[in-house]
C-alpha cells in the first residue's frame, strides 16, 4: 500500500496507538473483523462517510487522511438516485433493479446529522399500500440506507426482501434475538418471533417525503 493510501494511514495509526482491529470496528458499530478486512483485503473498497468521520475524530486527524475529499471539492449537495420500484406497505411489490428516475439532491451536512453512512449506498423508492399508516402512506418517497442493514440491525423501520417482493415494515428485536415484523396499521398482520437469519434486510428507512 502507498503511504498516502487511507488503508496505510489507518494501519499506521492502529500500530502507533496500539489499538486493536476488533475494538476499532466496535467503535464504529461494525462487526469485529470489519477494520481488518478493510485494511488487509480491501473490503469495503472505501470507508463509509460516517465510519470515516468517527475514525478521524477518534485519532484526531482530518477526514481527508482517510479518503475524504477536501471541503471545496466534495460539494455541499449529493444527488440520491430514485429507483422505479416500490416497497410495499401492503401486498408485496415485485423487486428488481428498476429504472432510475430523477433523484433528489440532499445536503451532505444534513445527511450526516440524519445519521446516514455512505451516500453512495442511499436510494429513494416509493411506498405502495397502507399497512404502515399513519407513518407511511401510498405514494410516499422513502430514503433507504443500504449500508445500514443486517449487520447493524436495531429497532426501526426497514425495507425487507421476501422472495421476489419488497416490503417496508417495523422491526423490533426481542431480548432472545428473535425479530418481530410489524405493520403499524392494526388492520394488517404482524409476525412475531421470526428467525433473523431468514430475513433479508435491504436497508433502514431514514426519511420520508410526501405530497400534502
C-alpha atoms as a PDB file:
ATOM      1  CA  UNK A   1       0.000   0.000   0.000  1.00  0.00           C
ATOM      2  CA  UNK A   2       1.125   3.529  -0.750  1.00  0.00           C
ATOM      3  CA  UNK A   3       1.997   5.603   2.347  1.00  0.00           C
ATOM      4  CA  UNK A   4      -0.747   8.066   1.450  1.00  0.00           C
ATOM      5  CA  UNK A   5      -3.360   5.362   0.932  1.00  0.00           C
ATOM      6  CA  UNK A   6      -6.160   5.580   3.543  1.00  0.00           C
ATOM      7  CA  UNK A   7      -5.592   1.919   4.442  1.00  0.00           C
ATOM      8  CA  UNK A   8      -1.903   2.531   5.057  1.00  0.00           C
ATOM      9  CA  UNK A   9      -2.704   5.634   7.110  1.00  0.00           C
ATOM     10  CA  UNK A  10      -5.185   3.717   9.243  1.00  0.00           C
ATOM     11  CA  UNK A  11      -2.844   0.747   9.682  1.00  0.00           C
ATOM     12  CA  UNK A  12      -0.051   3.074  10.857  1.00  0.00           C
ATOM     13  CA  UNK A  13      -2.375   4.826  13.317  1.00  0.00           C
ATOM     14  CA  UNK A  14      -3.514   1.480  14.722  1.00  0.00           C
ATOM     15  CA  UNK A  15       0.089   0.349  15.141  1.00  0.00           C
ATOM     16  CA  UNK A  16       1.293   3.634  16.679  1.00  0.00           C
ATOM     17  CA  UNK A  17      -1.581   3.819  19.174  1.00  0.00           C
ATOM     18  CA  UNK A  18      -1.617   0.079  19.884  1.00  0.00           C
ATOM     19  CA  UNK A  19      -5.299  -0.080  19.029  1.00  0.00           C
ATOM     20  CA  UNK A  20      -6.718  -3.465  18.067  1.00  0.00           C
ATOM     21  CA  UNK A  21      -8.757  -4.075  14.926  1.00  0.00           C
ATOM     22  CA  UNK A  22     -11.752  -5.530  16.724  1.00  0.00           C
ATOM     23  CA  UNK A  23     -12.038  -2.677  19.222  1.00  0.00           C
ATOM     24  CA  UNK A  24     -11.870  -0.108  16.446  1.00  0.00           C
ATOM     25  CA  UNK A  25     -14.535  -1.995  14.489  1.00  0.00           C
ATOM     26  CA  UNK A  26     -16.838  -1.965  17.508  1.00  0.00           C
ATOM     27  CA  UNK A  27     -16.205   1.764  17.959  1.00  0.00           C
ATOM     28  CA  UNK A  28     -17.896   2.453  14.619  1.00  0.00           C
ATOM     29  CA  UNK A  29     -20.681  -0.090  15.170  1.00  0.00           C
ATOM     30  CA  UNK A  30     -19.360  -2.761  12.812  1.00  0.00           C
ATOM     31  CA  UNK A  31     -18.595  -6.457  13.229  1.00  0.00           C
ATOM     32  CA  UNK A  32     -15.284  -7.322  14.877  1.00  0.00           C
ATOM     33  CA  UNK A  33     -13.480  -8.200  11.622  1.00  0.00           C
ATOM     34  CA  UNK A  34     -14.584  -5.111   9.672  1.00  0.00           C
ATOM     35  CA  UNK A  35     -11.459  -2.913  10.013  1.00  0.00           C
ATOM     36  CA  UNK A  36      -9.035  -5.792   9.473  1.00  0.00           C
ATOM     37  CA  UNK A  37     -10.870  -6.803   6.291  1.00  0.00           C
ATOM     38  CA  UNK A  38     -10.832  -3.198   5.076  1.00  0.00           C
ATOM     39  CA  UNK A  39      -7.067  -2.887   5.567  1.00  0.00           C
ATOM     40  CA  UNK A  40      -5.884  -6.375   4.611  1.00  0.00           C
ATOM     41  CA  UNK A  41      -8.422  -7.429   1.966  1.00  0.00           C
ATOM     42  CA  UNK A  42      -9.698  -4.117   0.628  1.00  0.00           C
ATOM     43  CA  UNK A  43     -13.309  -4.877   1.597  1.00  0.00           C
ATOM     44  CA  UNK A  44     -15.073  -2.490   1.540  1.00  0.00           C
ATOM     45  CA  UNK A  45     -13.226  -0.569  -1.163  1.00  0.00           C
ATOM     46  CA  UNK A  46     -13.653   2.675   0.772  1.00  0.00           C
ATOM     47  CA  UNK A  47     -14.899   3.657   4.197  1.00  0.00           C
ATOM     48  CA  UNK A  48     -18.480   4.825   4.613  1.00  0.00           C
ATOM     49  CA  UNK A  49     -18.704   8.536   5.298  1.00  0.00           C
ATOM     50  CA  UNK A  50     -19.981   8.115   8.867  1.00  0.00           C
ATOM     51  CA  UNK A  51     -17.331   5.476   9.680  1.00  0.00           C
ATOM     52  CA  UNK A  52     -14.613   7.740   8.302  1.00  0.00           C
ATOM     53  CA  UNK A  53     -15.870  10.665  10.380  1.00  0.00           C
ATOM     54  CA  UNK A  54     -15.841   8.625  13.610  1.00  0.00           C
ATOM     55  CA  UNK A  55     -12.350   7.242  12.945  1.00  0.00           C
ATOM     56  CA  UNK A  56     -10.960  10.692  12.111  1.00  0.00           C
ATOM     57  CA  UNK A  57     -12.411  12.084  15.344  1.00  0.00           C
ATOM     58  CA  UNK A  58     -11.020   9.162  17.358  1.00  0.00           C
ATOM     59  CA  UNK A  59      -7.479   9.600  16.017  1.00  0.00           C
ATOM     60  CA  UNK A  60      -7.655  13.406  15.841  1.00  0.00           C
ATOM     61  CA  UNK A  61      -6.831  13.623  12.127  1.00  0.00           C
ATOM     62  CA  UNK A  62      -8.538  15.304   9.148  1.00  0.00           C
ATOM     63  CA  UNK A  63     -11.033  13.105   7.285  1.00  0.00           C
ATOM     64  CA  UNK A  64      -9.046  13.707   4.088  1.00  0.00           C
ATOM     65  CA  UNK A  65      -6.301  11.447   5.547  1.00  0.00           C
ATOM     66  CA  UNK A  66      -8.827   8.603   5.377  1.00  0.00           C
ATOM     67  CA  UNK A  67     -10.008   9.301   1.851  1.00  0.00           C
ATOM     68  CA  UNK A  68     -12.490  12.181   2.176  1.00  0.00           C
ATOM     69  CA  UNK A  69     -12.414  14.886  -0.464  1.00  0.00           C
ATOM     70  CA  UNK A  70     -11.431  18.367   0.736  1.00  0.00           C
ATOM     71  CA  UNK A  71     -14.467  20.502   1.537  1.00  0.00           C
ATOM     72  CA  UNK A  72     -14.065  22.641  -1.578  1.00  0.00           C
ATOM     73  CA  UNK A  73     -14.091  19.514  -3.764  1.00  0.00           C
ATOM     74  CA  UNK A  74     -16.754  17.460  -2.023  1.00  0.00           C
ATOM     75  CA  UNK A  75     -19.566  19.930  -2.609  1.00  0.00           C
ATOM     76  CA  UNK A  76     -22.447  20.529  -0.247  1.00  0.00           C
ATOM     77  CA  UNK A  77     -25.157  18.529  -2.015  1.00  0.00           C
ATOM     78  CA  UNK A  78     -25.369  14.967  -3.268  1.00  0.00           C
ATOM     79  CA  UNK A  79     -27.907  13.545  -5.720  1.00  0.00           C
ATOM     80  CA  UNK A  80     -29.515  10.338  -4.462  1.00  0.00           C
ATOM     81  CA  UNK A  81     -30.851   8.000  -7.187  1.00  0.00           C
ATOM     82  CA  UNK A  82     -34.551   7.214  -7.143  1.00  0.00           C
ATOM     83  CA  UNK A  83     -35.408   3.728  -8.413  1.00  0.00           C
ATOM     84  CA  UNK A  84     -38.638   2.915 -10.196  1.00  0.00           C
ATOM     85  CA  UNK A  85     -39.502   0.080  -7.812  1.00  0.00           C
ATOM     86  CA  UNK A  86     -41.846   0.130  -4.858  1.00  0.00           C
ATOM     87  CA  UNK A  87     -41.605  -1.082  -1.272  1.00  0.00           C
ATOM     88  CA  UNK A  88     -44.978  -2.431  -0.322  1.00  0.00           C
ATOM     89  CA  UNK A  89     -46.840  -1.465   2.840  1.00  0.00           C
ATOM     90  CA  UNK A  90     -49.475  -3.986   1.836  1.00  0.00           C
ATOM     91  CA  UNK A  91     -49.234  -6.759  -0.799  1.00  0.00           C
ATOM     92  CA  UNK A  92     -45.607  -7.388  -1.795  1.00  0.00           C
ATOM     93  CA  UNK A  93     -44.195  -5.245  -4.572  1.00  0.00           C
ATOM     94  CA  UNK A  94     -42.087  -7.049  -7.160  1.00  0.00           C
ATOM     95  CA  UNK A  95     -38.416  -6.331  -6.531  1.00  0.00           C
ATOM     96  CA  UNK A  96     -35.976  -5.547  -9.321  1.00  0.00           C
ATOM     97  CA  UNK A  97     -33.185  -3.103 -10.018  1.00  0.00           C
ATOM     98  CA  UNK A  98     -35.712  -0.868 -11.767  1.00  0.00           C
ATOM     99  CA  UNK A  99     -35.102   2.197 -13.858  1.00  0.00           C
ATOM    100  CA  UNK A 100     -33.511   5.215 -12.242  1.00  0.00           C
ATOM    101  CA  UNK A 101     -35.852   8.178 -12.089  1.00  0.00           C
ATOM    102  CA  UNK A 102     -34.828  11.784 -11.425  1.00  0.00           C
ATOM    103  CA  UNK A 103     -33.399  11.736  -7.924  1.00  0.00           C
ATOM    104  CA  UNK A 104     -33.471  14.152  -5.006  1.00  0.00           C
ATOM    105  CA  UNK A 105     -30.449  16.277  -4.032  1.00  0.00           C
ATOM    106  CA  UNK A 106     -29.746  16.199  -0.310  1.00  0.00           C
ATOM    107  CA  UNK A 107     -27.447  18.438   1.712  1.00  0.00           C
ATOM    108  CA  UNK A 108     -24.374  16.480   2.897  1.00  0.00           C
ATOM    109  CA  UNK A 109     -24.252  18.012   6.405  1.00  0.00           C
ATOM    110  CA  UNK A 110     -27.975  17.256   6.785  1.00  0.00           C
ATOM    111  CA  UNK A 111     -27.377  13.629   5.807  1.00  0.00           C
ATOM    112  CA  UNK A 112     -24.648  13.393   8.447  1.00  0.00           C
ATOM    113  CA  UNK A 113     -26.991  14.811  11.077  1.00  0.00           C
ATOM    114  CA  UNK A 114     -29.589  12.281   9.981  1.00  0.00           C
ATOM    115  CA  UNK A 115     -27.051   9.583  10.803  1.00  0.00           C
ATOM    116  CA  UNK A 116     -26.657   8.011   7.372  1.00  0.00           C
ATOM    117  CA  UNK A 117     -23.415   6.431   6.262  1.00  0.00           C
ATOM    118  CA  UNK A 118     -22.024   6.405   2.734  1.00  0.00           C
ATOM    119  CA  UNK A 119     -24.259   8.475   0.390  1.00  0.00           C
ATOM    120  CA  UNK A 120     -23.369   6.021  -2.391  1.00  0.00           C
ATOM    121  CA  UNK A 121     -25.482   3.417  -0.541  1.00  0.00           C
ATOM    122  CA  UNK A 122     -28.594   5.619  -0.377  1.00  0.00           C
ATOM    123  CA  UNK A 123     -31.588   5.459  -2.677  1.00  0.00           C
ATOM    124  CA  UNK A 124     -35.206   6.559  -2.657  1.00  0.00           C
ATOM    125  CA  UNK A 125     -38.159   4.373  -3.581  1.00  0.00           C
ATOM    126  CA  UNK A 126     -41.940   4.750  -3.388  1.00  0.00           C
ATOM    127  CA  UNK A 127     -44.299   3.160  -0.910  1.00  0.00           C
ATOM    128  CA  UNK A 128     -47.431   1.373  -2.047  1.00  0.00           C
ATOM    129  CA  UNK A 129     -50.258   0.179   0.198  1.00  0.00           C
ATOM    130  CA  UNK A 130     -51.497   1.291   3.613  1.00  0.00           C
ATOM    131  CA  UNK A 131     -50.248  -1.284   6.135  1.00  0.00           C
ATOM    132  CA  UNK A 132     -47.799   1.253   7.616  1.00  0.00           C
ATOM    133  CA  UNK A 133     -50.350   4.021   8.183  1.00  0.00           C
ATOM    134  CA  UNK A 134     -50.189   6.521   9.769  1.00  0.00           C
ATOM    135  CA  UNK A 135     -46.383   6.594   9.435  1.00  0.00           C
ATOM    136  CA  UNK A 136     -46.222   5.805   5.711  1.00  0.00           C
ATOM    137  CA  UNK A 137     -48.872   6.262   3.042  1.00  0.00           C
ATOM    138  CA  UNK A 138     -49.372   5.280  -0.586  1.00  0.00           C
ATOM    139  CA  UNK A 139     -47.010   7.252  -2.823  1.00  0.00           C
ATOM    140  CA  UNK A 140     -44.576   8.376  -0.109  1.00  0.00           C
ATOM    141  CA  UNK A 141     -40.903   8.566  -1.089  1.00  0.00           C
ATOM    142  CA  UNK A 142     -38.613   6.905   1.462  1.00  0.00           C
ATOM    143  CA  UNK A 143     -34.860   7.295   1.788  1.00  0.00           C
ATOM    144  CA  UNK A 144     -33.269   3.871   2.291  1.00  0.00           C
ATOM    145  CA  UNK A 145     -29.738   3.401   3.647  1.00  0.00           C
ATOM    146  CA  UNK A 146     -28.497   0.080   2.243  1.00  0.00           C
ATOM    147  CA  UNK A 147     -25.334   0.443   4.324  1.00  0.00           C
ATOM    148  CA  UNK A 148     -27.423   0.241   7.496  1.00  0.00           C
ATOM    149  CA  UNK A 149     -28.749  -3.275   7.259  1.00  0.00           C
ATOM    150  CA  UNK A 150     -28.463  -6.673   8.898  1.00  0.00           C
ATOM    151  CA  UNK A 151     -25.037  -6.127  10.485  1.00  0.00           C
ATOM    152  CA  UNK A 152     -26.308  -3.048  12.388  1.00  0.00           C
ATOM    153  CA  UNK A 153     -29.887  -4.189  12.909  1.00  0.00           C
ATOM    154  CA  UNK A 154     -31.868  -2.480  15.682  1.00  0.00           C
ATOM    155  CA  UNK A 155     -35.455  -1.428  16.300  1.00  0.00           C
ATOM    156  CA  UNK A 156     -36.754   0.688  13.424  1.00  0.00           C
ATOM    157  CA  UNK A 157     -38.423   0.722  10.019  1.00  0.00           C
ATOM    158  CA  UNK A 158     -36.720  -1.301   7.285  1.00  0.00           C
ATOM    159  CA  UNK A 159     -37.166  -2.387   3.703  1.00  0.00           C
ATOM    160  CA  UNK A 160     -37.155  -6.196   3.602  1.00  0.00           C
ATOM    161  CA  UNK A 161     -36.942  -8.651   0.732  1.00  0.00           C
ATOM    162  CA  UNK A 162     -39.279 -11.639   0.795  1.00  0.00           C
ATOM    163  CA  UNK A 163     -38.702 -13.890  -2.217  1.00  0.00           C
ATOM    164  CA  UNK A 164     -39.417 -11.560  -5.182  1.00  0.00           C
ATOM    165  CA  UNK A 165     -41.153  -8.855  -3.149  1.00  0.00           C
ATOM    166  CA  UNK A 166     -40.044  -5.742  -1.271  1.00  0.00           C
ATOM    167  CA  UNK A 167     -41.827  -4.890   1.973  1.00  0.00           C
ATOM    168  CA  UNK A 168     -41.494  -1.943   4.320  1.00  0.00           C
ATOM    169  CA  UNK A 169     -42.175  -2.932   7.942  1.00  0.00           C
ATOM    170  CA  UNK A 170     -41.305  -2.080  11.518  1.00  0.00           C
ATOM    171  CA  UNK A 171     -38.706  -4.405  13.014  1.00  0.00           C
ATOM    172  CA  UNK A 172     -38.285  -4.964  16.761  1.00  0.00           C
ATOM    173  CA  UNK A 173     -35.646  -7.168  18.384  1.00  0.00           C
ATOM    174  CA  UNK A 174     -36.612  -9.266  21.407  1.00  0.00           C
ATOM    175  CA  UNK A 175     -34.100  -9.991  24.229  1.00  0.00           C
ATOM    176  CA  UNK A 176     -33.881 -13.527  22.809  1.00  0.00           C
ATOM    177  CA  UNK A 177     -32.610 -12.120  19.500  1.00  0.00           C
ATOM    178  CA  UNK A 178     -35.769 -13.094  17.625  1.00  0.00           C
ATOM    179  CA  UNK A 179     -37.401 -10.466  15.426  1.00  0.00           C
ATOM    180  CA  UNK A 180     -40.929  -9.146  15.345  1.00  0.00           C
ATOM    181  CA  UNK A 181     -42.008  -7.767  11.979  1.00  0.00           C
ATOM    182  CA  UNK A 182     -44.939  -5.431  12.436  1.00  0.00           C
ATOM    183  CA  UNK A 183     -47.427  -3.394  10.450  1.00  0.00           C
ATOM    184  CA  UNK A 184     -48.282  -0.034  12.049  1.00  0.00           C
ATOM    185  CA  UNK A 185     -51.835  -0.330  10.721  1.00  0.00           C
ATOM    186  CA  UNK A 186     -53.631  -2.731  13.140  1.00  0.00           C
ATOM    187  CA  UNK A 187     -55.811  -3.970  10.277  1.00  0.00           C
ATOM    188  CA  UNK A 188     -52.793  -5.837   8.892  1.00  0.00           C
ATOM    189  CA  UNK A 189     -50.982  -8.847  10.380  1.00  0.00           C
ATOM    190  CA  UNK A 190     -47.652  -8.847  12.162  1.00  0.00           C
ATOM    191  CA  UNK A 191     -45.170 -11.705  12.537  1.00  0.00           C
ATOM    192  CA  UNK A 192     -43.650 -12.237  16.000  1.00  0.00           C
ATOM    193  CA  UNK A 193     -40.641 -14.419  16.780  1.00  0.00           C
ATOM    194  CA  UNK A 194     -39.043 -14.542  13.334  1.00  0.00           C
ATOM    195  CA  UNK A 195     -35.589 -16.090  12.978  1.00  0.00           C
ATOM    196  CA  UNK A 196     -33.373 -13.168  11.923  1.00  0.00           C
ATOM    197  CA  UNK A 197     -31.316 -15.500   9.723  1.00  0.00           C
ATOM    198  CA  UNK A 198     -34.337 -15.956   7.471  1.00  0.00           C
ATOM    199  CA  UNK A 199     -34.960 -12.206   6.995  1.00  0.00           C
ATOM    200  CA  UNK A 200     -33.276 -10.418   4.092  1.00  0.00           C
ATOM    201  CA  UNK A 201     -32.739  -6.821   5.235  1.00  0.00           C
ATOM    202  CA  UNK A 202     -32.327  -4.394   2.309  1.00  0.00           C
ATOM    203  CA  UNK A 203     -31.788  -1.235   4.361  1.00  0.00           C
ATOM    204  CA  UNK A 204     -33.075   1.109   7.033  1.00  0.00           C
ATOM    205  CA  UNK A 205     -35.655   3.784   6.243  1.00  0.00           C
ATOM    206  CA  UNK A 206     -34.132   7.117   7.273  1.00  0.00           C
ATOM    207  CA  UNK A 207     -36.553   9.736   5.926  1.00  0.00           C
ATOM    208  CA  UNK A 208     -39.939  10.086   4.266  1.00  0.00           C
ATOM    209  CA  UNK A 209     -41.237  12.752   1.916  1.00  0.00           C
ATOM    210  CA  UNK A 210     -44.821  13.147   0.790  1.00  0.00           C
ATOM    211  CA  UNK A 211     -47.159  15.393  -1.130  1.00  0.00           C
ATOM    212  CA  UNK A 212     -49.607  17.344   1.035  1.00  0.00           C
END
